[in-house]
């Protein structure tokens, strides 16, 4: 097993690792819309937070040797699932082509950072040639 903290992603704000690579399976910690320079949640609402979370996930996947097209499972944690699910799915579609991963959407009472509206956690596979 390999534990990876991606250098270009915001530093972990607790006792966890960005990525764990176990053979050909990649587990990425949940990401909110953390700005890599400030580690604060980006301004601009759910769309901007989702874009930033996906970009942070991309950084982590790259550090582990894979990419968004190899995501096999996605978990979405929402503060307001009814208001934000369609927006998050639309943003995701800008970054990932079909076939899409399996996905679970969960409404929660709060997230770890003030102002966070979404947290995205993924599991990915290594490309066949890796």
Protein backbone atom coordinates (compact mmCIF):
# COMPACT_ATOMS: atom_id res chain seq x y z
CA UNK A 1 0.00 0.00 0.00
CA UNK A 2 1.17 3.52 -0.80
CA UNK A 3 0.04 6.67 1.02
CA UNK A 4 0.28 9.84 -1.08
CA UNK A 5 -0.15 13.53 -0.28
CA UNK A 6 -0.33 15.41 -3.57
CA UNK A 7 1.99 18.42 -3.35
CA UNK A 8 -0.21 20.76 -5.41
CA UNK A 9 -3.38 20.06 -3.43
CA UNK A 10 -4.31 21.86 -0.21
CA UNK A 11 -2.63 20.31 2.84
CA UNK A 12 -4.75 17.87 4.83
CA UNK A 13 -6.49 19.69 7.69
CA UNK A 14 -6.42 16.64 9.93
CA UNK A 15 -4.84 13.25 10.41
CA UNK A 16 -5.50 11.75 6.99
CA UNK A 17 -3.80 11.22 3.65
CA UNK A 18 -5.01 12.59 0.31
CA UNK A 19 -4.71 9.26 -1.50
CA UNK A 20 -4.16 5.59 -0.74
CA UNK A 21 -3.05 3.38 -3.60
CA UNK A 22 -3.62 -0.33 -2.98
CA UNK A 23 -2.54 -2.38 -5.99
CA UNK A 24 -4.72 -1.09 -8.83
CA UNK A 25 -7.32 0.66 -6.66
CA UNK A 26 -7.01 4.34 -5.75
CA UNK A 27 -8.92 5.78 -2.78
CA UNK A 28 -9.15 9.59 -2.67
CA UNK A 29 -10.17 11.48 0.48
CA UNK A 30 -13.27 13.64 0.31
CA UNK A 31 -12.70 17.10 -1.17
CA UNK A 32 -14.59 20.31 -0.67
CA UNK A 33 -13.88 23.45 -2.68
CA UNK A 34 -10.58 24.17 -0.91
CA UNK A 35 -8.38 26.80 -2.57
CA UNK A 36 -4.85 25.30 -2.76
CA UNK A 37 -3.23 28.64 -1.84
CA UNK A 38 -5.34 29.48 1.20
CA UNK A 39 -7.00 26.15 2.14
CA UNK A 40 -10.24 28.15 2.49
CA UNK A 41 -13.46 27.36 0.65
CA UNK A 42 -13.64 29.23 -2.67
CA UNK A 43 -16.29 31.90 -3.14
CA UNK A 44 -18.94 31.70 -5.85
CA UNK A 45 -21.39 29.11 -4.58
CA UNK A 46 -21.97 25.48 -5.42
CA UNK A 47 -20.69 25.61 -9.01
CA UNK A 48 -17.31 27.12 -8.08
CA UNK A 49 -16.95 24.83 -5.06
CA UNK A 50 -17.68 21.78 -7.21
CA UNK A 51 -15.16 22.86 -9.87
CA UNK A 52 -12.48 23.36 -7.22
CA UNK A 53 -13.24 20.02 -5.53
CA UNK A 54 -12.95 18.23 -8.88
CA UNK A 55 -9.67 19.99 -9.66
CA UNK A 56 -8.31 18.93 -6.25
CA UNK A 57 -9.40 15.36 -6.98
CA UNK A 58 -7.66 15.53 -10.38
CA UNK A 59 -4.41 16.56 -8.67
CA UNK A 60 -4.68 13.59 -6.31
CA UNK A 61 -5.52 11.12 -9.04
CA UNK A 62 -2.60 12.29 -11.14
CA UNK A 63 -0.24 11.84 -8.17
CA UNK A 64 -1.47 8.22 -7.95
CA UNK A 65 -1.09 7.54 -11.68
CA UNK A 66 -4.67 7.78 -12.89
CA UNK A 67 -7.34 10.35 -13.86
CA UNK A 68 -11.03 11.23 -13.66
CA UNK A 69 -11.96 8.89 -16.53
CA UNK A 70 -10.89 5.97 -14.34
CA UNK A 71 -13.14 6.90 -11.40
CA UNK A 72 -15.36 3.91 -10.62
CA UNK A 73 -17.22 5.25 -7.58
CA UNK A 74 -18.28 8.75 -6.55
CA UNK A 75 -19.83 9.84 -3.26
CA UNK A 76 -21.40 13.27 -2.97
CA UNK A 77 -22.12 14.86 0.41
CA UNK A 78 -24.51 17.82 0.18
CA UNK A 79 -25.70 20.49 2.56
CA UNK A 80 -28.78 20.97 0.28
CA UNK A 81 -29.18 18.04 -2.10
CA UNK A 82 -32.42 19.31 -3.67
CA UNK A 83 -30.96 22.69 -4.61
CA UNK A 84 -27.53 21.47 -5.72
CA UNK A 85 -27.63 17.94 -7.19
CA UNK A 86 -28.35 19.01 -10.78
CA UNK A 87 -25.68 21.72 -10.67
CA UNK A 88 -23.04 19.32 -9.34
CA UNK A 89 -23.94 16.70 -11.98
CA UNK A 90 -23.68 19.36 -14.69
CA UNK A 91 -20.22 20.44 -13.52
CA UNK A 92 -19.09 16.79 -13.24
CA UNK A 93 -20.15 16.27 -16.87
CA UNK A 94 -17.70 18.98 -17.98
CA UNK A 95 -14.82 16.91 -16.63
CA UNK A 96 -15.89 13.28 -17.14
CA UNK A 97 -17.25 11.50 -20.21
CA UNK A 98 -19.48 8.43 -20.24
CA UNK A 99 -19.43 5.79 -18.95
CA UNK A 100 -20.00 7.47 -15.60
CA UNK A 101 -19.03 5.86 -12.27
CA UNK A 102 -21.49 4.50 -9.77
CA UNK A 103 -22.59 7.32 -7.50
CA UNK A 104 -24.21 7.94 -4.14
CA UNK A 105 -25.64 11.32 -3.08
CA UNK A 106 -26.14 12.00 0.62
CA UNK A 107 -27.53 15.03 2.44
CA UNK A 108 -25.60 15.90 5.61
CA UNK A 109 -26.12 18.37 8.43
CA UNK A 110 -22.72 19.99 7.98
CA UNK A 111 -19.25 19.64 6.50
CA UNK A 112 -15.81 20.09 8.06
CA UNK A 113 -15.20 23.62 6.74
CA UNK A 114 -17.41 26.64 7.26
CA UNK A 115 -19.19 27.65 4.07
CA UNK A 116 -18.68 24.29 2.33
CA UNK A 117 -21.72 23.16 0.33
CA UNK A 118 -20.36 19.94 -1.22
CA UNK A 119 -17.78 17.26 -0.52
CA UNK A 120 -16.80 14.71 -3.17
CA UNK A 121 -15.03 11.42 -2.49
CA UNK A 122 -13.92 9.03 -5.25
CA UNK A 123 -12.46 5.60 -5.80
CA UNK A 124 -10.60 5.01 -9.05
CA UNK A 125 -8.73 2.29 -10.91
CA UNK A 126 -5.29 2.49 -12.42
CA UNK A 127 -5.29 2.47 -16.23
CA UNK A 128 -4.58 -1.02 -17.63
CA UNK A 129 -1.04 -0.08 -18.73
CA UNK A 130 0.09 1.07 -15.25
